[in-house]
PDB file of N, CA and C in Angstrom:
ATOM      1  N   MET A   1       0.844  -1.177   0.000  1.00  0.00           N
ATOM      2  CA  MET A   1       0.000   0.000   0.000  1.00  0.00           C
ATOM      3  C   MET A   1       0.883   1.231   0.000  1.00  0.00           C
ATOM      4  N   VAL A   2       0.592   2.179  -0.844  1.00  0.00           N
ATOM      5  CA  VAL A   2       1.371   3.401  -0.954  1.00  0.00           C
ATOM      6  C   VAL A   2       0.576   4.533  -0.325  1.00  0.00           C
ATOM      7  N   CYS A   3       1.234   5.242   0.553  1.00  0.00           N
ATOM      8  CA  CYS A   3       0.601   6.378   1.213  1.00  0.00           C
ATOM      9  C   CYS A   3       0.981   7.635   0.447  1.00  0.00           C
ATOM     10  N   THR A   4       0.016   8.314  -0.120  1.00  0.00           N
ATOM     11  CA  THR A   4       0.307   9.514  -0.898  1.00  0.00           C
ATOM     12  C   THR A   4       0.155  10.780  -0.076  1.00  0.00           C
ATOM     13  N   ARG A   5      -0.443  10.676   1.078  1.00  0.00           N
ATOM     14  CA  ARG A   5      -0.668  11.867   1.893  1.00  0.00           C
ATOM     15  C   ARG A   5       0.569  12.246   2.700  1.00  0.00           C
ATOM     16  N   HIS A   6       1.305  11.273   3.171  1.00  0.00           N
ATOM     17  CA  HIS A   6       2.493  11.511   3.982  1.00  0.00           C
ATOM     18  C   HIS A   6       3.689  10.883   3.297  1.00  0.00           C
ATOM     19  N   SER A   7       4.843  11.417   3.565  1.00  0.00           N
ATOM     20  CA  SER A   7       6.059  10.800   3.051  1.00  0.00           C
ATOM     21  C   SER A   7       7.012  10.582   4.216  1.00  0.00           C
ATOM     22  N   ILE A   8       7.954   9.712   4.004  1.00  0.00           N
ATOM     23  CA  ILE A   8       8.931   9.388   5.044  1.00  0.00           C
ATOM     24  C   ILE A   8      10.128  10.301   4.874  1.00  0.00           C
ATOM     25  N   GLY A   9      10.540  10.943   5.958  1.00  0.00           N
ATOM     26  CA  GLY A   9      11.695  11.832   5.918  1.00  0.00           C
ATOM     27  C   GLY A   9      12.997  11.050   5.959  1.00  0.00           C
ATOM     28  N   ALA A  10      14.097  11.769   5.839  1.00  0.00           N
ATOM     29  CA  ALA A  10      15.412  11.133   5.821  1.00  0.00           C
ATOM     30  C   ALA A  10      15.696  10.401   7.128  1.00  0.00           C
ATOM     31  N   ASN A  11      15.159  10.898   8.236  1.00  0.00           N
ATOM     32  CA  ASN A  11      15.406  10.269   9.528  1.00  0.00           C
ATOM     33  C   ASN A  11      14.378   9.183   9.850  1.00  0.00           C
ATOM     34  N   GLY A  12      13.523   8.855   8.907  1.00  0.00           N
ATOM     35  CA  GLY A  12      12.524   7.815   9.124  1.00  0.00           C
ATOM     36  C   GLY A  12      11.224   8.334   9.696  1.00  0.00           C
ATOM     37  N   GLY A  13      11.188   9.618  10.081  1.00  0.00           N
ATOM     38  CA  GLY A  13       9.964  10.181  10.641  1.00  0.00           C
ATOM     39  C   GLY A  13       9.006  10.600   9.552  1.00  0.00           C
ATOM     40  N   ARG A  14       7.733  10.636   9.864  1.00  0.00           N
ATOM     41  CA  ARG A  14       6.736  11.045   8.875  1.00  0.00           C
ATOM     42  C   ARG A  14       6.670  12.565   8.841  1.00  0.00           C
ATOM     43  N   ARG A  15       6.487  13.087   7.647  1.00  0.00           N
ATOM     44  CA  ARG A  15       6.324  14.536   7.492  1.00  0.00           C
ATOM     45  C   ARG A  15       5.207  14.785   6.495  1.00  0.00           C
ATOM     46  N   HIS A  16       4.537  15.877   6.662  1.00  0.00           N
ATOM     47  CA  HIS A  16       3.440  16.226   5.761  1.00  0.00           C
ATOM     48  C   HIS A  16       4.026  17.072   4.638  1.00  0.00           C
ATOM     49  N   PRO A  17       3.946  16.610   3.391  1.00  0.00           N
ATOM     50  CA  PRO A  17       4.628  17.313   2.303  1.00  0.00           C
ATOM     51  C   PRO A  17       4.045  18.675   1.963  1.00  0.00           C
ATOM     52  N   SER A  18       2.796  18.946   2.300  1.00  0.00           N
ATOM     53  CA  SER A  18       2.192  20.212   1.895  1.00  0.00           C
ATOM     54  C   SER A  18       2.488  21.347   2.865  1.00  0.00           C
ATOM     55  N   LEU A  19       3.052  21.040   4.024  1.00  0.00           N
ATOM     56  CA  LEU A  19       3.356  22.082   4.993  1.00  0.00           C
ATOM     57  C   LEU A  19       4.860  22.334   5.034  1.00  0.00           C
ATOM     58  N   PRO A  20       5.289  23.594   4.923  1.00  0.00           N
ATOM     59  CA  PRO A  20       6.709  23.884   5.109  1.00  0.00           C
ATOM     60  C   PRO A  20       7.075  23.680   6.567  1.00  0.00           C
ATOM     61  N   ALA A  21       8.367  23.654   6.851  1.00  0.00           N
ATOM     62  CA  ALA A  21       8.828  23.380   8.220  1.00  0.00           C
ATOM     63  C   ALA A  21       8.190  24.333   9.223  1.00  0.00           C
ATOM     64  N   GLY A  22       8.115  25.618   8.883  1.00  0.00           N
ATOM     65  CA  GLY A  22       7.505  26.583   9.794  1.00  0.00           C
ATOM     66  C   GLY A  22       6.033  26.306  10.027  1.00  0.00           C
ATOM     67  N   GLY A  23       5.332  25.871   8.987  1.00  0.00           N
ATOM     68  CA  GLY A  23       3.916  25.546   9.123  1.00  0.00           C
ATOM     69  C   GLY A  23       3.694  24.341  10.004  1.00  0.00           C
ATOM     70  N   ARG A  24       4.575  23.356   9.887  1.00  0.00           N
ATOM     71  CA  ARG A  24       4.469  22.171  10.757  1.00  0.00           C
ATOM     72  C   ARG A  24       4.682  22.570  12.209  1.00  0.00           C
ATOM     73  N   LEU A  25       5.623  23.485  12.441  1.00  0.00           N
ATOM     74  CA  LEU A  25       5.888  23.937  13.801  1.00  0.00           C
ATOM     75  C   LEU A  25       4.677  24.673  14.368  1.00  0.00           C
ATOM     76  N   LEU A  26       4.071  25.529  13.558  1.00  0.00           N
ATOM     77  CA  LEU A  26       2.880  26.244  14.027  1.00  0.00           C
ATOM     78  C   LEU A  26       1.730  25.289  14.307  1.00  0.00           C
ATOM     79  N   ALA A  27       1.567  24.271  13.449  1.00  0.00           N
ATOM     80  CA  ALA A  27       0.513  23.285  13.667  1.00  0.00           C
ATOM     81  C   ALA A  27       0.764  22.515  14.962  1.00  0.00           C
ATOM     82  N   LEU A  28       2.019  22.169  15.217  1.00  0.00           N
ATOM     83  CA  LEU A  28       2.365  21.458  16.447  1.00  0.00           C
ATOM     84  C   LEU A  28       2.119  22.339  17.665  1.00  0.00           C
ATOM     85  N   GLU A  29       2.544  23.594  17.593  1.00  0.00           N
ATOM     86  CA  GLU A  29       2.318  24.509  18.710  1.00  0.00           C
ATOM     87  C   GLU A  29       0.832  24.692  18.971  1.00  0.00           C
ATOM     88  N   SER A  30       0.035  24.754  17.923  1.00  0.00           N
ATOM     89  CA  SER A  30      -1.411  24.883  18.076  1.00  0.00           C
ATOM     90  C   SER A  30      -1.994  23.647  18.754  1.00  0.00           C
ATOM     91  N   ALA A  31      -1.552  22.464  18.330  1.00  0.00           N
ATOM     92  CA  ALA A  31      -2.046  21.225  18.935  1.00  0.00           C
ATOM     93  C   ALA A  31      -1.639  21.137  20.394  1.00  0.00           C
ATOM     94  N   ILE A  32      -0.423  21.559  20.718  1.00  0.00           N
ATOM     95  CA  ILE A  32       0.030  21.544  22.114  1.00  0.00           C
ATOM     96  C   ILE A  32      -0.805  22.514  22.942  1.00  0.00           C
ATOM     97  N   GLY A  33      -1.126  23.680  22.363  1.00  0.00           N
ATOM     98  CA  GLY A  33      -1.955  24.654  23.072  1.00  0.00           C
ATOM     99  C   GLY A  33      -3.336  24.108  23.363  1.00  0.00           C
ATOM    100  N   VAL A  34      -3.926  23.412  22.393  1.00  0.00           N
ATOM    101  CA  VAL A  34      -5.247  22.815  22.592  1.00  0.00           C
ATOM    102  C   VAL A  34      -5.173  21.742  23.672  1.00  0.00           C
ATOM    103  N   ALA A  35      -4.149  20.884  23.604  1.00  0.00           N
ATOM    104  CA  ALA A  35      -4.007  19.819  24.594  1.00  0.00           C
ATOM    105  C   ALA A  35      -3.792  20.400  25.983  1.00  0.00           C
ATOM    106  N   SER A  36      -2.974  21.436  26.077  1.00  0.00           N
ATOM    107  CA  SER A  36      -2.742  22.071  27.378  1.00  0.00           C
ATOM    108  C   SER A  36      -4.030  22.654  27.939  1.00  0.00           C
ATOM    109  N   GLY A  37      -4.820  23.249  27.068  1.00  0.00           N
ATOM    110  CA  GLY A  37      -6.108  23.800  27.504  1.00  0.00           C
ATOM    111  C   GLY A  37      -7.049  22.714  27.996  1.00  0.00           C
ATOM    112  N   LEU A  38      -7.056  21.579  27.315  1.00  0.00           N
ATOM    113  CA  LEU A  38      -7.915  20.472  27.742  1.00  0.00           C
ATOM    114  C   LEU A  38      -7.464  19.918  29.090  1.00  0.00           C
ATOM    115  N   VAL A  39      -6.161  19.800  29.277  1.00  0.00           N
ATOM    116  CA  VAL A  39      -5.638  19.305  30.555  1.00  0.00           C
ATOM    117  C   VAL A  39      -5.987  20.289  31.665  1.00  0.00           C
ATOM    118  N   ALA A  40      -5.804  21.568  31.417  1.00  0.00           N
ATOM    119  CA  ALA A  40      -6.144  22.579  32.424  1.00  0.00           C
ATOM    120  C   ALA A  40      -7.629  22.530  32.764  1.00  0.00           C
ATOM    121  N   ALA A  41      -8.471  22.362  31.758  1.00  0.00           N
ATOM    122  CA  ALA A  41      -9.912  22.272  32.007  1.00  0.00           C
ATOM    123  C   ALA A  41     -10.251  21.028  32.819  1.00  0.00           C
ATOM    124  N   ALA A  42      -9.567  19.929  32.546  1.00  0.00           N
ATOM    125  CA  ALA A  42      -9.806  18.691  33.304  1.00  0.00           C
ATOM    126  C   ALA A  42      -9.418  18.873  34.762  1.00  0.00           C
ATOM    127  N   PHE A  43      -8.272  19.531  34.994  1.00  0.00           N
ATOM    128  CA  PHE A  43      -7.851  19.778  36.382  1.00  0.00           C
ATOM    129  C   PHE A  43      -8.827  20.704  37.098  1.00  0.00           C
ATOM    130  N   ASP A  44      -9.313  21.738  36.396  1.00  0.00           N
ATOM    131  CA  ASP A  44     -10.263  22.671  37.008  1.00  0.00           C
ATOM    132  C   ASP A  44     -11.578  21.985  37.347  1.00  0.00           C
ATOM    133  N   ALA A  45     -12.017  21.088  36.490  1.00  0.00           N
ATOM    134  CA  ALA A  45     -13.298  20.418  36.687  1.00  0.00           C
ATOM    135  C   ALA A  45     -13.222  19.297  37.709  1.00  0.00           C
ATOM    136  N   ASN A  46     -12.032  18.776  37.953  1.00  0.00           N
ATOM    137  CA  ASN A  46     -11.891  17.637  38.853  1.00  0.00           C
ATOM    138  C   ASN A  46     -10.725  17.881  39.803  1.00  0.00           C
ATOM    139  N   PRO A  47     -10.985  18.481  40.973  1.00  0.00           N
ATOM    140  CA  PRO A  47      -9.902  18.766  41.921  1.00  0.00           C
ATOM    141  C   PRO A  47      -9.168  17.508  42.380  1.00  0.00           C
ATOM    142  N   ASP A  48      -9.852  16.370  42.418  1.00  0.00           N
ATOM    143  CA  ASP A  48      -9.183  15.136  42.815  1.00  0.00           C
ATOM    144  C   ASP A  48      -8.090  14.771  41.814  1.00  0.00           C
ATOM    145  N   LEU A  49      -8.333  15.038  40.551  1.00  0.00           N
ATOM    146  CA  LEU A  49      -7.338  14.771  39.520  1.00  0.00           C
ATOM    147  C   LEU A  49      -6.112  15.651  39.722  1.00  0.00           C
ATOM    148  N   ALA A  50      -6.335  16.914  40.028  1.00  0.00           N
ATOM    149  CA  ALA A  50      -5.225  17.828  40.285  1.00  0.00           C
ATOM    150  C   ALA A  50      -4.441  17.396  41.519  1.00  0.00           C
ATOM    151  N   ALA A  51      -5.147  16.986  42.571  1.00  0.00           N
ATOM    152  CA  ALA A  51      -4.481  16.527  43.787  1.00  0.00           C
ATOM    153  C   ALA A  51      -3.657  15.274  43.513  1.00  0.00           C
ATOM    154  N   ALA A  52      -4.190  14.382  42.709  1.00  0.00           N
ATOM    155  CA  ALA A  52      -3.446  13.167  42.358  1.00  0.00           C
ATOM    156  C   ALA A  52      -2.196  13.515  41.560  1.00  0.00           C
ATOM    157  N   ALA A  53      -2.294  14.475  40.652  1.00  0.00           N
ATOM    158  CA  ALA A  53      -1.125  14.889  39.876  1.00  0.00           C
ATOM    159  C   ALA A  53      -0.052  15.486  40.785  1.00  0.00           C
ATOM    160  N   HIS A  54      -0.469  16.248  41.787  1.00  0.00           N
ATOM    161  CA  HIS A  54       0.498  16.820  42.738  1.00  0.00           C
ATOM    162  C   HIS A  54       1.151  15.723  43.581  1.00  0.00           C
ATOM    163  N   ARG A  55       0.370  14.731  43.978  1.00  0.00           N
ATOM    164  CA  ARG A  55       0.956  13.615  44.751  1.00  0.00           C
ATOM    165  C   ARG A  55       1.965  12.843  43.915  1.00  0.00           C
ATOM    166  N   ILE A  56       1.678  12.672  42.628  1.00  0.00           N
ATOM    167  CA  ILE A  56       2.623  11.985  41.747  1.00  0.00           C
ATOM    168  C   ILE A  56       3.902  12.812  41.617  1.00  0.00           C
ATOM    169  N   ALA A  57       3.772  14.114  41.479  1.00  0.00           N
ATOM    170  CA  ALA A  57       4.947  14.982  41.377  1.00  0.00           C
ATOM    171  C   ALA A  57       5.777  14.923  42.656  1.00  0.00           C
ATOM    172  N   GLN A  58       5.111  14.912  43.805  1.00  0.00           N
ATOM    173  CA  GLN A  58       5.829  14.808  45.077  1.00  0.00           C
ATOM    174  C   GLN A  58       6.548  13.471  45.199  1.00  0.00           C
ATOM    175  N   ALA A  59       5.883  12.402  44.823  1.00  0.00           N
ATOM    176  CA  ALA A  59       6.506  11.077  44.895  1.00  0.00           C
ATOM    177  C   ALA A  59       7.705  10.988  43.954  1.00  0.00           C
ATOM    178  N   THR A  60       7.577  11.577  42.767  1.00  0.00           N
ATOM    179  CA  THR A  60       8.698  11.577  41.824  1.00  0.00           C
ATOM    180  C   THR A  60       9.888  12.329  42.411  1.00  0.00           C
ATOM    181  N   ALA A  61       9.631  13.458  43.053  1.00  0.00           N
ATOM    182  CA  ALA A  61      10.712  14.221  43.674  1.00  0.00           C
ATOM    183  C   ALA A  61      11.367  13.419  44.791  1.00  0.00           C
ATOM    184  N   ARG A  62      10.565  12.732  45.592  1.00  0.00           N
ATOM    185  CA  ARG A  62      11.130  11.918  46.684  1.00  0.00           C
ATOM    186  C   ARG A  62      11.989  10.781  46.141  1.00  0.00           C
ATOM    187  N   VAL A  63      11.564  10.181  45.036  1.00  0.00           N
ATOM    188  CA  VAL A  63      12.361   9.102  44.431  1.00  0.00           C
ATOM    189  C   VAL A  63      13.694   9.652  43.942  1.00  0.00           C
ATOM    190  N   ARG A  64      13.690  10.812  43.320  1.00  0.00           N
ATOM    191  CA  ARG A  64      14.942  11.416  42.861  1.00  0.00           C
ATOM    192  C   ARG A  64      15.867  11.741  44.022  1.00  0.00           C
ATOM    193  N   ILE A  65      15.307  12.270  45.099  1.00  0.00           N
ATOM    194  CA  ILE A  65      16.123  12.589  46.272  1.00  0.00           C
ATOM    195  C   ILE A  65      16.706  11.317  46.865  1.00  0.00           C
ATOM    196  N   ALA A  66      15.885  10.282  46.988  1.00  0.00           N
ATOM    197  CA  ALA A  66      16.358   9.023  47.569  1.00  0.00           C
ATOM    198  C   ALA A  66      17.434   8.387  46.702  1.00  0.00           C
ATOM    199  N   GLY A  67      17.343   8.530  45.406  1.00  0.00           N
ATOM    200  CA  GLY A  67      18.321   7.914  44.516  1.00  0.00           C
ATOM    201  C   GLY A  67      19.552   8.764  44.270  1.00  0.00           C
ATOM    202  N   ALA A  68      19.592   9.970  44.821  1.00  0.00           N
ATOM    203  CA  ALA A  68      20.721  10.866  44.571  1.00  0.00           C
ATOM    204  C   ALA A  68      22.033  10.282  45.064  1.00  0.00           C
ATOM    205  N   ASP A  69      22.001   9.511  46.144  1.00  0.00           N
ATOM    206  CA  ASP A  69      23.227   8.919  46.673  1.00  0.00           C
ATOM    207  C   ASP A  69      23.792   7.833  45.760  1.00  0.00           C
ATOM    208  N   LEU A  70      23.017   7.368  44.809  1.00  0.00           N
ATOM    209  CA  LEU A  70      23.491   6.340  43.887  1.00  0.00           C
ATOM    210  C   LEU A  70      24.397   6.903  42.798  1.00  0.00           C
ATOM    211  N   TYR A  71      24.361   8.206  42.596  1.00  0.00           N
ATOM    212  CA  TYR A  71      25.189   8.837  41.574  1.00  0.00           C
ATOM    213  C   TYR A  71      26.539   9.208  42.164  1.00  0.00           C
ATOM    214  N   PRO A  72      27.577   9.219  41.346  1.00  0.00           N
ATOM    215  CA  PRO A  72      28.899   9.581  41.867  1.00  0.00           C
ATOM    216  C   PRO A  72      28.953  11.051  42.256  1.00  0.00           C
ATOM    217  N   ASN A  73      29.768  11.318  43.261  1.00  0.00           N
ATOM    218  CA  ASN A  73      29.996  12.692  43.706  1.00  0.00           C
ATOM    219  C   ASN A  73      31.302  13.186  43.119  1.00  0.00           C
ATOM    220  N   VAL A  74      31.310  14.418  42.735  1.00  0.00           N
ATOM    221  CA  VAL A  74      32.536  15.022  42.207  1.00  0.00           C
ATOM    222  C   VAL A  74      32.908  16.163  43.136  1.00  0.00           C
ATOM    223  N   GLU A  75      34.130  16.096  43.621  1.00  0.00           N
ATOM    224  CA  GLU A  75      34.623  17.155  44.495  1.00  0.00           C
ATOM    225  C   GLU A  75      35.913  17.699  43.905  1.00  0.00           C
ATOM    226  N   GLY A  76      36.200  18.899  44.215  1.00  0.00           N
ATOM    227  CA  GLY A  76      37.434  19.486  43.699  1.00  0.00           C
ATOM    228  C   GLY A  76      37.828  20.710  44.495  1.00  0.00           C
ATOM    229  N   ALA A  77      39.064  21.044  44.374  1.00  0.00           N
ATOM    230  CA  ALA A  77      39.594  22.246  45.015  1.00  0.00           C
ATOM    231  C   ALA A  77      40.636  22.824  44.080  1.00  0.00           C
ATOM    232  N   GLY A  78      40.851  24.080  44.182  1.00  0.00           N
ATOM    233  CA  GLY A  78      41.844  24.695  43.310  1.00  0.00           C
ATOM    234  C   GLY A  78      42.404  25.952  43.926  1.00  0.00           C
ATOM    235  N   THR A  79      43.583  26.273  43.515  1.00  0.00           N
ATOM    236  CA  THR A  79      44.209  27.513  43.943  1.00  0.00           C
ATOM    237  C   THR A  79      44.810  28.164  42.704  1.00  0.00           C
ATOM    238  N   GLY A  80      45.091  29.395  42.818  1.00  0.00           N
ATOM    239  CA  GLY A  80      45.702  30.086  41.698  1.00  0.00           C
ATOM    240  C   GLY A  80      46.462  31.323  42.177  1.00  0.00           C
ATOM    241  N   SER A  81      47.401  31.701  41.378  1.00  0.00           N
ATOM    242  CA  SER A  81      48.142  32.905  41.688  1.00  0.00           C
ATOM    243  C   SER A  81      48.602  33.534  40.377  1.00  0.00           C
ATOM    244  N   ARG A  82      48.915  34.788  40.484  1.00  0.00           N
ATOM    245  CA  ARG A  82      49.367  35.497  39.297  1.00  0.00           C
ATOM    246  C   ARG A  82      50.439  36.489  39.729  1.00  0.00           C
ATOM    247  N   SER A  83      51.479  36.508  39.000  1.00  0.00           N
ATOM    248  CA  SER A  83      52.537  37.488  39.323  1.00  0.00           C
ATOM    249  C   SER A  83      52.886  38.266  38.071  1.00  0.00           C
ATOM    250  N   TRP A  84      53.283  39.501  38.272  1.00  0.00           N
ATOM    251  CA  TRP A  84      53.630  40.381  37.148  1.00  0.00           C
ATOM    252  C   TRP A  84      55.083  40.636  37.122  1.00  0.00           C
TER     253      TRP A  84
END
């Protein structure tokens, strides 16, 4: 089956041939704006949903804090001088 509406880009991603790069960006920004508005409306209409999202954010922060000791620490000291 040949798709004539979309073509495959050099990186394997799909692109819409009738929109220039700037137009695709504007379309994406518009879609993100609509999605953000829908999410905001959902949170406003359902406070429990907003509270759950905040609890998830808090839990994610706690996991990052707890796992911080698993990463290597880098320490350093330095001195310098200059003479004329």
